Amino acid sequence: MPELLADAVAGPGGREHWLCEGAPGIERAALMQGRSAEAVGALGAVASGSPHATRVGMGILRQGGTAADAAVAAALATMVADPPNASPAGRGHILWAPAGETPRAIDGATRAPAHLSEGVRRLPDRQALPLPGIVRALLRLHAEGGSLPLARVVAPARDLARDGFTVPRELAAVWAWRAPDLVDPDARAHYLPDGRPVPEGAVFRNPGLAGFLDRLISTGQDPFADPVFAGPFCERLAAKGGFWTVGDLRAAVPLVGETVELREKGWRLTSIGRQGWGHTLLRIVALVNSAVPGPILDIEIAHLLAILRAFEERPEELRSLKPKSDPLPWDALSARLAEGLPEGWADSAVLAAALDRARTPAPSDDRDTTHLSVVDADGMRVALTQSIGPHFGARVADPVTGILLAHSYRMAEDPVPGARDVTEQCPCLLDIGGACYALGGAGSERIPGAVAGVIRHLLNGSSLANALAAPRANWVGATARLHLDVPEGLETRLAEAGAEVSFTGRGPVDHLGIVQAVGRRADGTVMAAADPAYAGSADAA
């Protein structure tokens, strides 16, 4: 895959915008084309947010592993090679399906401990530390869909942590950007060697995490479920104000996830249900589909309007992700998938009214996630999204293992004992005629809109690479954030509706969602493409 190089240039108010190397600046005329090469093969394909994770996943496929084996290996490697976005103490949602079978979901959400301080209505971020869910979700995926021994699947991530990995440019940029937020002494000790962020090209090792993975290999179970490991871990966390107990950790098992489906003539889209934002993704796709075909500017407006309408219907409040006091019943939400955009939706007044209802304080922090997709020669597909909250999670690390703790927005705003976290994750599987795809994204509330945009282009016949590289428009709060090369006239249409507009390139800061996708054609050819906005890569063999 061609490397996307990015340079930071000062935008309004000193905020950085990330553009392709050689771009003259952030002037509207300086249009930038995204690049996303499509890897093609027959054995299998992997796309992820880390070149190291992609390499690990492909190695497992070459050893004869299934897509489930490769996804587990790549997900663990991501925990090592993308520490701002993944950790064994994090959360994840998995959607997978063997060829020709009904998709299955594994709910690896984080949740609040069973015992919190009485009378607490809010928690400081450093104490909003949920119980992990991702490792046992991966173990369930391996048990249900894997073929290789677990030790062989885990070993590459262990080796990566022990021997180290070379830090890509985009990851180094995020590391430097977030370094001031790492105030916990243990987080600084593990992730700011010599007091500085790890630069591009440096080799970063994490021997503590290698030890955790060694334990996973030797016991075959999540170390967090082992009292010998979990007891001391909980004691160390208690010293930082955490509420974990050994009993909580043993009970933190993944659930069978709910799925939702949208069927139209010639295609089917499946995502996760109430445990994530799969319904929101399907709602956006359905609304935009009701406006297709049409002029390109109208379709872009339909896309942005669909996001606002789908967000308005969410059972959770945006940003805090705590449940609304009067959410729409699930049956009512499901019924709305059959509804299209209202009559006259292209009029600027309709978008203006939706914006008025959506006005929220500007987000203070661009949060992130990471996604990987895998398909094998037999047609098994896996879409796997994981996160720890904002970059570097709660910015709190275990002093012994260096494991970063996830942050729970729900615990911070509404600390209910035992409550499971619902995030914006929406891994999905798309079937179009004889072709099938697995895809998902990163970028908090930008995820559904970004993934829906890629799906729109796939439904219109674009190749996987072109669908990922197409210019995007999305919302950040009530501001329309646009790629520099969106169709001419979109800014004017948005201004007529009273929308604030900002422009961005395709780098890791101020991005519009980071999508990773794989597919398989009817002839058995597999392909993969990685979003050019981050350090990820795609490979196939």
Protein backbone atom coordinates (compact mmCIF):
# COMPACT_ATOMS: atom_id res chain seq x y z
CA MET A 1 0.00 0.00 0.00
CA PRO A 2 1.41 3.43 -0.87
CA GLU A 3 2.34 5.26 2.30
CA LEU A 4 0.31 8.35 3.08
CA LEU A 5 2.68 10.96 4.43
CA ALA A 6 1.28 13.85 6.41
CA ASP A 7 2.57 17.24 7.41
CA ALA A 8 0.97 19.40 10.06
CA VAL A 9 0.16 22.98 9.17
CA ALA A 10 -1.39 25.54 11.45
CA GLY A 11 -5.06 26.11 10.92
CA PRO A 12 -7.36 28.71 12.44
CA GLY A 13 -6.56 29.28 16.09
CA GLY A 14 -3.35 27.29 15.77
CA ARG A 15 -5.16 23.96 15.46
CA GLU A 16 -3.25 21.52 13.27
CA HIS A 17 -4.63 20.13 10.02
CA TRP A 18 -3.04 17.08 8.47
CA LEU A 19 -2.44 17.07 4.75
CA CYS A 20 -0.59 14.93 2.23
CA GLU A 21 3.10 15.68 1.97
CA GLY A 22 3.59 18.32 -0.67
CA ALA A 23 0.16 19.86 -0.22
CA PRO A 24 0.58 23.65 -0.37
CA GLY A 25 -1.64 24.41 2.62
CA ILE A 26 -5.22 24.36 3.73
CA GLU A 27 -6.59 26.60 1.01
CA ARG A 28 -9.86 25.28 -0.44
CA ALA A 29 -8.29 25.11 -3.92
CA ALA A 30 -5.54 22.79 -2.70
CA LEU A 31 -7.54 19.64 -3.23
CA MET A 32 -6.08 16.40 -1.99
CA GLN A 33 -6.82 12.95 -3.34
CA GLY A 34 -6.87 10.10 -0.84
CA ARG A 35 -4.85 7.02 -1.71
CA SER A 36 -5.79 3.51 -0.69
CA ALA A 37 -4.25 0.63 -2.64
CA GLU A 38 -6.29 -2.54 -2.98
CA ALA A 39 -4.46 -5.74 -2.10
CA VAL A 40 -5.78 -8.78 -4.02
CA GLY A 41 -5.27 -12.51 -3.54
CA ALA A 42 -6.93 -15.89 -3.09
CA LEU A 43 -5.73 -17.18 0.32
CA GLY A 44 -7.09 -14.40 2.51
CA ALA A 45 -6.94 -10.69 3.26
CA VAL A 46 -6.46 -8.43 6.28
CA ALA A 47 -6.95 -4.69 6.78
CA SER A 48 -6.18 -3.05 10.11
CA GLY A 49 -5.07 0.16 11.77
CA SER A 50 -1.51 -1.15 12.32
CA PRO A 51 0.91 -2.47 9.71
CA HIS A 52 2.28 -4.82 12.37
CA ALA A 53 -1.17 -6.24 13.12
CA THR A 54 -1.86 -6.73 9.42
CA ARG A 55 1.44 -8.59 9.02
CA VAL A 56 0.64 -10.81 12.01
CA GLY A 57 -2.85 -11.59 10.71
CA MET A 58 -1.54 -12.47 7.26
CA GLY A 59 1.09 -14.72 8.82
CA ILE A 60 -1.63 -16.71 10.56
CA LEU A 61 -3.60 -17.06 7.30
CA ARG A 62 -0.46 -18.32 5.56
CA GLN A 63 -0.11 -20.96 8.30
CA GLY A 64 -3.54 -22.29 7.40
CA GLY A 65 -5.50 -20.41 10.03
CA THR A 66 -9.06 -19.27 9.57
CA ALA A 67 -10.22 -15.67 9.47
CA ALA A 68 -11.10 -16.08 13.16
CA ASP A 69 -7.53 -17.17 13.99
CA ALA A 70 -6.09 -14.27 12.01
CA ALA A 71 -8.46 -11.73 13.59
CA VAL A 72 -7.56 -12.86 17.12
CA ALA A 73 -3.83 -12.68 16.34
CA ALA A 74 -4.17 -9.26 14.70
CA ALA A 75 -6.32 -7.89 17.53
CA LEU A 76 -3.73 -8.92 20.13
CA ALA A 77 -0.95 -7.46 17.97
CA THR A 78 -2.90 -4.21 17.79
CA MET A 79 -2.88 -4.04 21.61
CA VAL A 80 0.92 -4.10 21.39
CA ALA A 81 1.52 -1.96 18.31
CA ASP A 82 -1.20 0.70 18.72
CA PRO A 83 -1.23 1.51 22.45
CA PRO A 84 -3.23 4.76 22.06
CA ASN A 85 -6.23 2.74 20.86
CA ALA A 86 -6.12 -0.81 22.21
CA SER A 87 -5.26 -2.72 25.38
CA PRO A 88 -6.04 -6.07 27.04
CA ALA A 89 -8.06 -3.98 29.52
CA GLY A 90 -10.25 -2.62 26.72
CA ARG A 91 -13.57 -3.39 25.09
CA GLY A 92 -14.56 -4.80 21.74
CA HIS A 93 -17.36 -5.99 19.50
CA ILE A 94 -17.00 -8.79 16.99
CA LEU A 95 -19.24 -9.67 14.06
CA TRP A 96 -18.30 -12.76 12.12
CA ALA A 97 -19.72 -15.41 9.82
CA PRO A 98 -18.49 -18.55 8.09
CA ALA A 99 -19.37 -18.53 4.38
CA GLY A 100 -23.09 -18.87 3.79
CA GLU A 101 -23.99 -18.77 7.50
CA THR A 102 -25.91 -16.26 9.58
CA PRO A 103 -23.66 -13.59 11.13
CA ARG A 104 -22.87 -13.97 14.81
CA ALA A 105 -21.93 -11.25 17.31
CA ILE A 106 -19.74 -11.42 20.39
CA ASP A 107 -20.26 -8.64 22.92
CA GLY A 108 -16.97 -7.87 24.64
CA ALA A 109 -18.10 -4.58 26.19
CA THR A 110 -16.54 -3.13 29.29
CA ARG A 111 -18.75 -2.62 32.33
CA ALA A 112 -18.71 -0.86 35.67
CA PRO A 113 -17.59 -2.84 38.73
CA ALA A 114 -20.36 -4.20 40.94
CA HIS A 115 -19.25 -2.08 43.89
CA LEU A 116 -18.79 1.66 43.59
CA SER A 117 -18.61 4.28 46.31
CA GLU A 118 -22.11 4.96 47.64
CA GLY A 119 -23.80 8.18 46.59
CA VAL A 120 -21.31 8.96 43.81
CA ARG A 121 -23.00 10.74 40.90
CA ARG A 122 -19.88 11.39 38.84
CA LEU A 123 -16.39 9.94 38.81
CA PRO A 124 -13.15 11.66 37.86
CA ASP A 125 -11.68 10.25 34.66
CA ARG A 126 -8.83 8.57 36.52
CA GLN A 127 -11.37 6.45 38.44
CA ALA A 128 -13.81 5.75 35.60
CA LEU A 129 -12.05 2.45 34.98
CA PRO A 130 -14.38 -0.28 33.65
CA LEU A 131 -13.84 -4.02 33.80
CA PRO A 132 -12.28 -5.35 30.58
CA GLY A 133 -14.11 -7.46 28.00
CA ILE A 134 -11.96 -7.80 24.89
CA VAL A 135 -9.60 -10.70 25.71
CA ARG A 136 -12.32 -13.18 26.59
CA ALA A 137 -14.30 -12.06 23.54
CA LEU A 138 -11.27 -12.96 21.43
CA LEU A 139 -10.97 -16.31 23.17
CA ARG A 140 -14.62 -17.03 22.37
CA LEU A 141 -14.05 -16.15 18.72
CA HIS A 142 -11.07 -18.49 18.61
CA ALA A 143 -13.04 -21.29 20.30
CA GLU A 144 -15.96 -20.94 17.88
CA GLY A 145 -14.17 -20.20 14.61
CA GLY A 146 -10.47 -20.97 14.97
CA SER A 147 -8.51 -24.00 13.80
CA LEU A 148 -4.94 -23.36 14.95
CA PRO A 149 -3.78 -23.93 18.56
CA LEU A 150 -4.29 -20.84 20.71
CA ALA A 151 -0.59 -20.67 21.59
CA ARG A 152 0.34 -20.33 17.91
CA VAL A 153 -2.24 -17.57 17.45
CA VAL A 154 -1.08 -15.56 20.48
CA ALA A 155 2.68 -16.00 20.04
CA PRO A 156 3.22 -13.33 17.32
CA ALA A 157 1.77 -10.59 19.55
CA ARG A 158 3.89 -11.80 22.47
CA ASP A 159 7.00 -11.66 20.27
CA LEU A 160 6.06 -8.18 19.08
CA ALA A 161 5.81 -6.94 22.67
CA ARG A 162 9.02 -8.65 23.75
CA ASP A 163 11.19 -7.79 20.73
CA GLY A 164 9.58 -4.46 19.90
CA PHE A 165 8.06 -2.83 16.84
CA THR A 166 9.02 0.14 14.72
CA VAL A 167 6.73 3.11 15.31
CA PRO A 168 5.06 4.41 12.10
CA ARG A 169 4.86 8.10 11.37
CA GLU A 170 1.15 8.57 12.04
CA LEU A 171 1.30 6.68 15.34
CA ALA A 172 4.29 8.80 16.39
CA ALA A 173 2.26 11.93 15.61
CA VAL A 174 -0.61 10.80 17.86
CA TRP A 175 1.86 9.76 20.57
CA ALA A 176 3.42 13.23 20.56
CA TRP A 177 0.01 14.92 20.44
CA ARG A 178 -1.27 13.04 23.49
CA ALA A 179 1.95 12.96 25.54
CA PRO A 180 0.92 15.93 27.74
CA ASP A 181 -2.23 14.02 28.77
CA LEU A 182 -0.21 11.18 30.30
CA VAL A 183 0.06 12.47 33.86
CA ASP A 184 -0.19 9.14 35.69
CA PRO A 185 3.41 8.30 36.74
CA ASP A 186 3.12 4.69 35.61
CA ALA A 187 1.67 5.66 32.24
CA ARG A 188 4.53 8.10 31.78
CA ALA A 189 7.11 5.53 32.83
CA HIS A 190 5.89 2.95 30.32
CA TYR A 191 4.83 5.14 27.38
CA LEU A 192 7.15 8.15 27.61
CA PRO A 193 10.63 6.59 27.78
CA ASP A 194 13.14 9.18 29.00
CA GLY A 195 10.15 11.48 29.50
CA ARG A 196 9.46 11.87 25.78
CA PRO A 197 6.97 10.39 23.28
CA VAL A 198 8.31 7.61 21.10
CA PRO A 199 9.40 9.08 17.74
CA GLU A 200 8.87 7.75 14.25
CA GLY A 201 11.23 4.91 13.42
CA ALA A 202 12.08 4.10 17.03
CA VAL A 203 11.63 0.57 18.35
CA PHE A 204 9.19 0.34 21.27
CA ARG A 205 9.17 -2.70 23.56
CA ASN A 206 6.66 -3.62 26.23
CA PRO A 207 8.05 -6.50 28.33
CA GLY A 208 5.21 -6.26 30.84
CA LEU A 209 2.62 -6.82 28.14
CA ALA A 210 4.76 -9.66 26.77
CA GLY A 211 4.48 -11.27 30.20
CA PHE A 212 0.69 -10.94 30.13
CA LEU A 213 0.57 -12.63 26.72
CA ASP A 214 2.99 -15.34 27.88
CA ARG A 215 0.57 -16.10 30.68
CA LEU A 216 -2.29 -16.28 28.17
CA ILE A 217 -0.25 -18.77 26.13
CA SER A 218 0.71 -20.96 29.08
CA THR A 219 -2.73 -21.11 30.73
CA GLY A 220 -5.03 -20.80 27.73
CA GLN A 221 -7.25 -18.37 29.65
CA ASP A 222 -7.55 -14.64 30.13
CA PRO A 223 -5.13 -13.68 32.94
CA PHE A 224 -7.80 -11.31 34.25
CA ALA A 225 -9.93 -14.38 35.03
CA ASP A 226 -7.06 -15.96 37.03
CA PRO A 227 -7.08 -14.93 40.72
CA VAL A 228 -3.29 -15.40 40.93
CA PHE A 229 -2.85 -12.63 38.36
CA ALA A 230 -6.01 -10.66 39.07
CA GLY A 231 -5.57 -10.32 42.84
CA PRO A 232 -2.32 -8.31 42.79
CA PHE A 233 -3.57 -6.36 39.76
CA CYS A 234 -6.70 -5.28 41.67
CA GLU A 235 -4.60 -4.26 44.68
CA ARG A 236 -2.36 -2.09 42.52
CA LEU A 237 -5.41 -0.55 40.87
CA ALA A 238 -7.07 0.13 44.22
CA ALA A 239 -4.06 2.26 45.14
CA LYS A 240 -4.99 4.46 42.17
CA GLY A 241 -8.66 4.71 43.22
CA GLY A 242 -10.01 1.84 41.11
CA PHE A 243 -12.93 -0.37 42.21
CA TRP A 244 -12.04 -3.73 40.63
CA THR A 245 -12.31 -6.98 42.56
CA VAL A 246 -11.22 -10.52 41.71
CA GLY A 247 -14.87 -11.59 41.72
CA ASP A 248 -15.77 -8.80 39.28
CA LEU A 249 -13.03 -9.88 36.89
CA ARG A 250 -13.99 -13.56 36.98
CA ALA A 251 -17.60 -12.62 36.20
CA ALA A 252 -16.68 -10.30 33.30
CA VAL A 253 -17.57 -12.79 30.56
CA PRO A 254 -18.51 -11.78 27.01
CA LEU A 255 -22.12 -12.08 25.92
CA VAL A 256 -23.74 -13.42 22.80
CA GLY A 257 -24.31 -10.20 20.90
CA GLU A 258 -27.46 -9.00 19.23
CA THR A 259 -27.45 -8.37 15.48
CA VAL A 260 -29.56 -6.09 13.28
CA GLU A 261 -30.11 -6.40 9.56
CA LEU A 262 -31.13 -4.20 6.64
CA ARG A 263 -32.25 -5.92 3.42
CA GLU A 264 -32.79 -4.25 0.09
CA LYS A 265 -33.06 -5.67 -3.40
CA GLY A 266 -29.69 -7.20 -4.25
CA TRP A 267 -27.92 -6.51 -0.95
CA ARG A 268 -27.95 -7.12 2.79
CA LEU A 269 -26.20 -5.24 5.61
CA THR A 270 -25.74 -6.72 9.10
CA SER A 271 -24.30 -5.03 12.17
CA ILE A 272 -24.46 -5.29 15.96
CA GLY A 273 -27.55 -4.37 17.94
CA ARG A 274 -28.17 -2.51 21.16
CA GLN A 275 -24.66 -3.19 22.49
CA GLY A 276 -23.32 -0.67 19.95
CA TRP A 277 -24.39 1.71 17.20
CA GLY A 278 -25.19 -0.83 14.50
CA HIS A 279 -28.77 0.37 14.25
CA THR A 280 -27.51 3.93 13.73
CA LEU A 281 -25.33 2.74 10.86
CA LEU A 282 -28.23 0.89 9.24
CA ARG A 283 -30.52 3.90 9.69
CA ILE A 284 -28.05 6.21 7.93
CA VAL A 285 -27.61 3.76 5.04
CA ALA A 286 -31.39 3.30 4.69
CA LEU A 287 -32.10 7.03 4.73
CA VAL A 288 -29.45 7.82 2.12
CA ASN A 289 -30.61 4.90 0.00
CA SER A 290 -34.07 6.46 -0.12
CA ALA A 291 -32.51 9.49 -1.87
CA VAL A 292 -30.45 7.54 -4.42
CA PRO A 293 -30.10 8.18 -7.33
CA GLY A 294 -29.76 11.93 -7.44
CA PRO A 295 -27.34 14.83 -8.02
CA ILE A 296 -24.07 14.39 -6.13
CA LEU A 297 -24.59 17.47 -3.95
CA ASP A 298 -28.06 16.29 -3.00
CA ILE A 299 -26.67 12.89 -2.00
CA GLU A 300 -24.00 14.51 0.17
CA ILE A 301 -26.67 16.60 1.88
CA ALA A 302 -28.80 13.47 2.30
CA HIS A 303 -25.83 11.73 3.94
CA LEU A 304 -25.29 14.55 6.44
CA LEU A 305 -29.00 14.90 7.17
CA ALA A 306 -29.27 11.14 7.69
CA ILE A 307 -26.50 11.22 10.29
CA LEU A 308 -28.26 13.99 12.23
CA ARG A 309 -31.59 12.16 12.18
CA ALA A 310 -30.03 8.84 13.22
CA PHE A 311 -28.10 10.50 16.06
CA GLU A 312 -31.24 12.24 17.28
CA GLU A 313 -32.90 8.84 17.68
CA ARG A 314 -30.04 7.27 19.64
CA PRO A 315 -31.05 5.89 23.07
CA GLU A 316 -27.82 7.34 24.51
CA GLU A 317 -26.75 10.93 24.85
CA LEU A 318 -23.97 11.92 22.49
CA ARG A 319 -20.50 12.30 23.99
CA SER A 320 -21.38 11.05 27.53
CA LEU A 321 -23.04 7.88 26.15
CA LYS A 322 -25.28 7.63 29.22
CA PRO A 323 -28.86 6.46 28.57
CA LYS A 324 -31.46 9.13 27.80
CA SER A 325 -34.24 9.55 30.31
CA ASP A 326 -36.91 8.97 27.63
CA PRO A 327 -35.33 6.86 24.85
CA LEU A 328 -37.32 5.59 21.91
CA PRO A 329 -38.33 1.95 22.45
CA TRP A 330 -36.23 -0.53 20.49
CA ASP A 331 -39.25 -1.71 18.50
CA ALA A 332 -39.91 1.85 17.37
CA LEU A 333 -36.27 2.28 16.33
CA SER A 334 -36.33 -0.96 14.37
CA ALA A 335 -39.54 0.06 12.58
CA ARG A 336 -37.93 3.30 11.41
CA LEU A 337 -35.46 1.40 9.25
CA ALA A 338 -38.26 1.18 6.67
CA GLU A 339 -38.69 4.98 6.59
CA GLY A 340 -37.00 7.26 4.07
CA LEU A 341 -36.09 10.90 4.21
CA PRO A 342 -39.05 13.30 4.53
CA GLU A 343 -40.60 14.97 1.53
CA GLY A 344 -38.63 18.04 0.53
CA TRP A 345 -35.56 16.85 2.42
CA ALA A 346 -33.17 18.62 0.01
CA ASP A 347 -34.48 22.04 1.07
CA SER A 348 -31.99 23.87 3.27
CA ALA A 349 -34.73 24.51 5.86
CA VAL A 350 -34.98 20.76 6.59
CA LEU A 351 -31.26 20.53 7.34
CA ALA A 352 -31.42 23.77 9.33
CA ALA A 353 -34.18 22.35 11.53
CA ALA A 354 -32.21 19.15 12.11
CA LEU A 355 -29.17 21.21 13.06
CA ASP A 356 -31.17 23.26 15.55
CA ARG A 357 -32.25 20.05 17.29
CA ALA A 358 -28.69 18.72 17.26
CA ARG A 359 -26.92 21.73 18.77
CA THR A 360 -24.53 20.47 21.44
CA PRO A 361 -21.39 21.91 22.99
CA ALA A 362 -18.40 21.47 20.71
CA PRO A 363 -16.54 18.28 21.59
CA SER A 364 -13.36 18.96 23.53
CA ASP A 365 -11.57 15.79 22.50
CA ASP A 366 -11.34 13.73 19.34
CA ARG A 367 -11.77 10.20 20.65
CA ASP A 368 -10.67 7.12 18.84
CA THR A 369 -11.00 3.39 18.35
CA THR A 370 -9.39 0.83 16.05
CA HIS A 371 -10.89 -1.67 13.65
CA LEU A 372 -9.68 -4.69 11.69
CA SER A 373 -11.33 -6.84 9.04
CA VAL A 374 -10.34 -10.31 7.84
CA VAL A 375 -11.59 -12.73 5.17
CA ASP A 376 -10.17 -16.17 4.37
CA ALA A 377 -10.18 -18.40 1.29
CA ASP A 378 -13.30 -20.24 2.47
CA GLY A 379 -15.23 -16.98 2.79
CA MET A 380 -15.26 -16.67 6.59
CA ARG A 381 -15.38 -12.97 7.49
CA VAL A 382 -14.58 -11.14 10.71
CA ALA A 383 -15.21 -7.47 11.51
CA LEU A 384 -13.66 -6.57 14.88
CA THR A 385 -13.64 -3.18 16.60
CA GLN A 386 -11.88 -2.46 19.88
CA SER A 387 -11.15 0.63 21.97
CA ILE A 388 -10.06 1.99 25.31
CA GLY A 389 -11.85 5.36 25.09
CA PRO A 390 -9.87 8.43 24.09
CA HIS A 391 -6.27 7.95 23.01
CA PHE A 392 -4.40 6.04 25.75
CA GLY A 393 -7.71 5.33 27.48
CA ALA A 394 -7.93 6.64 31.03
CA ARG A 395 -4.23 7.57 30.75
CA VAL A 396 -3.69 5.26 33.75
CA ALA A 397 -1.34 2.26 33.55
CA ASP A 398 -0.61 -0.72 35.75
CA PRO A 399 2.90 -0.23 37.18
CA VAL A 400 3.98 -3.87 36.65
CA THR A 401 2.58 -4.86 33.25
CA GLY A 402 2.21 -1.41 31.71
CA ILE A 403 -1.33 -2.34 30.70
CA LEU A 404 -3.36 0.80 29.96
CA LEU A 405 -6.78 1.00 31.59
CA ALA A 406 -9.80 1.83 29.49
CA HIS A 407 -11.91 4.89 30.19
CA SER A 408 -15.68 4.54 30.58
CA TYR A 409 -17.64 7.63 29.55
CA ARG A 410 -20.72 6.06 31.15
CA MET A 411 -18.96 5.54 34.49
CA ALA A 412 -17.69 9.11 34.47
CA GLU A 413 -21.13 10.61 33.84
CA ASP A 414 -23.50 8.02 35.33
CA PRO A 415 -21.69 5.50 37.56
CA VAL A 416 -24.23 2.67 37.89
CA PRO A 417 -22.78 -0.54 39.38
CA GLY A 418 -22.52 -3.29 36.80
CA ALA A 419 -23.74 -1.16 33.87
CA ARG A 420 -22.31 -2.22 30.52
CA ASP A 421 -20.77 0.39 28.25
CA VAL A 422 -22.44 1.14 24.93
CA THR A 423 -20.08 2.73 22.41
CA GLU A 424 -20.29 3.97 18.84
CA GLN A 425 -18.72 0.77 17.51
CA CYS A 426 -20.56 -0.79 14.55
CA PRO A 427 -18.61 -3.57 12.81
CA CYS A 428 -20.63 -4.84 9.86
CA LEU A 429 -20.91 -7.43 7.11
CA LEU A 430 -22.21 -6.41 3.69
CA ASP A 431 -23.40 -8.79 0.96
CA ILE A 432 -23.94 -7.44 -2.57
CA GLY A 433 -24.98 -10.13 -5.01
CA GLY A 434 -22.14 -12.66 -5.04
CA ALA A 435 -19.66 -10.34 -3.32
CA CYS A 436 -19.30 -10.05 0.44
CA TYR A 437 -17.46 -7.58 2.65
CA ALA A 438 -16.41 -7.06 6.27
CA LEU A 439 -15.80 -3.51 7.42
CA GLY A 440 -15.92 -1.11 10.34
CA GLY A 441 -14.29 2.03 11.58
CA ALA A 442 -12.62 4.15 14.23
CA GLY A 443 -13.41 7.66 15.38
CA SER A 444 -16.14 7.65 18.07
CA GLU A 445 -19.31 9.36 16.77
CA ARG A 446 -17.74 9.70 13.31
CA ILE A 447 -17.78 5.91 12.86
CA PRO A 448 -21.35 5.32 11.59
CA GLY A 449 -21.20 8.16 9.08
CA ALA A 450 -17.79 7.12 7.77
CA VAL A 451 -18.72 3.45 7.38
CA ALA A 452 -22.06 4.40 5.80
CA GLY A 453 -20.21 6.56 3.28
CA VAL A 454 -17.96 3.67 2.25
CA ILE A 455 -21.01 1.39 1.95
CA ARG A 456 -22.75 3.95 -0.27
CA HIS A 457 -19.85 3.87 -2.71
CA LEU A 458 -19.68 0.07 -2.67
CA LEU A 459 -23.41 -0.10 -3.46
CA ASN A 460 -22.76 2.29 -6.35
CA GLY A 461 -20.20 -0.11 -7.80
CA SER A 462 -16.93 1.42 -6.58
CA SER A 463 -13.94 -0.77 -5.92
CA LEU A 464 -12.97 -1.27 -2.30
CA ALA A 465 -9.98 1.05 -2.59
CA ASN A 466 -11.95 3.81 -4.30
CA ALA A 467 -14.78 3.52 -1.75
CA LEU A 468 -12.31 4.12 1.08
CA ALA A 469 -10.48 6.93 -0.69
CA ALA A 470 -13.60 8.85 -1.73
CA PRO A 471 -13.93 12.30 -0.08
CA ARG A 472 -16.12 12.35 3.03
CA ALA A 473 -18.32 14.72 4.96
CA ASN A 474 -19.21 14.09 8.59
CA TRP A 475 -20.32 15.87 11.74
CA VAL A 476 -18.25 16.72 14.79
CA GLY A 477 -20.80 18.16 17.17
CA ALA A 478 -22.80 20.58 15.04
CA THR A 479 -19.86 21.38 12.74
CA ALA A 480 -19.70 19.83 9.29
CA ARG A 481 -16.14 18.61 8.84
CA LEU A 482 -15.28 18.08 5.16
CA HIS A 483 -12.39 16.61 3.22
CA LEU A 484 -10.69 19.22 1.09
CA ASP A 485 -11.79 17.51 -2.12
CA VAL A 486 -15.53 17.19 -1.46
CA PRO A 487 -17.71 18.20 -4.43
CA GLU A 488 -17.68 21.90 -5.20
CA GLY A 489 -20.74 23.67 -3.85
CA LEU A 490 -21.21 21.54 -0.73
CA GLU A 491 -19.85 24.25 1.53
CA THR A 492 -22.36 26.72 0.06
CA ARG A 493 -25.28 24.33 0.54
CA LEU A 494 -24.31 23.80 4.17
CA ALA A 495 -23.88 27.52 4.78
CA GLU A 496 -27.40 28.11 3.46
CA ALA A 497 -28.67 25.81 6.21
CA GLY A 498 -26.66 27.67 8.86
CA ALA A 499 -24.07 24.95 9.37
CA GLU A 500 -20.56 25.72 10.54
CA VAL A 501 -17.98 24.17 8.21
CA SER A 502 -14.36 23.14 8.66
CA PHE A 503 -11.98 21.40 6.27
CA THR A 504 -9.45 18.71 6.94
CA GLY A 505 -7.03 16.44 5.16
CA ARG A 506 -6.65 12.71 5.57
CA GLY A 507 -4.15 12.45 8.41
CA PRO A 508 -4.60 11.10 11.95
CA VAL A 509 -5.72 14.39 13.54
CA ASP A 510 -9.15 15.88 12.72
CA HIS A 511 -9.99 12.84 10.59
CA LEU A 512 -13.49 11.86 9.46
CA GLY A 513 -13.48 8.25 10.57
CA ILE A 514 -10.91 5.55 9.79
CA VAL A 515 -12.40 2.57 7.93
CA GLN A 516 -10.73 -0.82 7.32
CA ALA A 517 -12.38 -3.25 4.90
CA VAL A 518 -11.95 -6.60 3.18
CA GLY A 519 -14.06 -8.41 0.62
CA ARG A 520 -14.48 -11.56 -1.43
CA ARG A 521 -15.82 -11.71 -4.96
CA ALA A 522 -18.00 -14.46 -6.37
CA ASP A 523 -14.97 -15.98 -8.15
CA GLY A 524 -13.17 -16.43 -4.81
CA THR A 525 -10.78 -13.50 -5.21
CA VAL A 526 -10.22 -11.67 -1.93
CA MET A 527 -9.24 -8.05 -1.48
CA ALA A 528 -8.43 -5.58 1.27
CA ALA A 529 -8.03 -1.81 1.60
CA ALA A 530 -6.92 0.33 4.53
CA ASP A 531 -8.03 3.87 5.21
CA PRO A 532 -5.33 6.38 4.23
CA ALA A 533 -6.05 8.46 7.35
CA TYR A 534 -3.89 6.41 9.72
CA ALA A 535 -0.88 4.10 9.86
CA GLY A 536 -2.87 1.02 8.95
CA SER A 537 -2.26 -1.30 6.05
CA ALA A 538 -3.99 -3.89 3.91
CA ASP A 539 -2.57 -7.12 2.57
CA ALA A 540 -3.77 -10.20 0.70
CA ALA A 541 -2.21 -13.41 -0.57
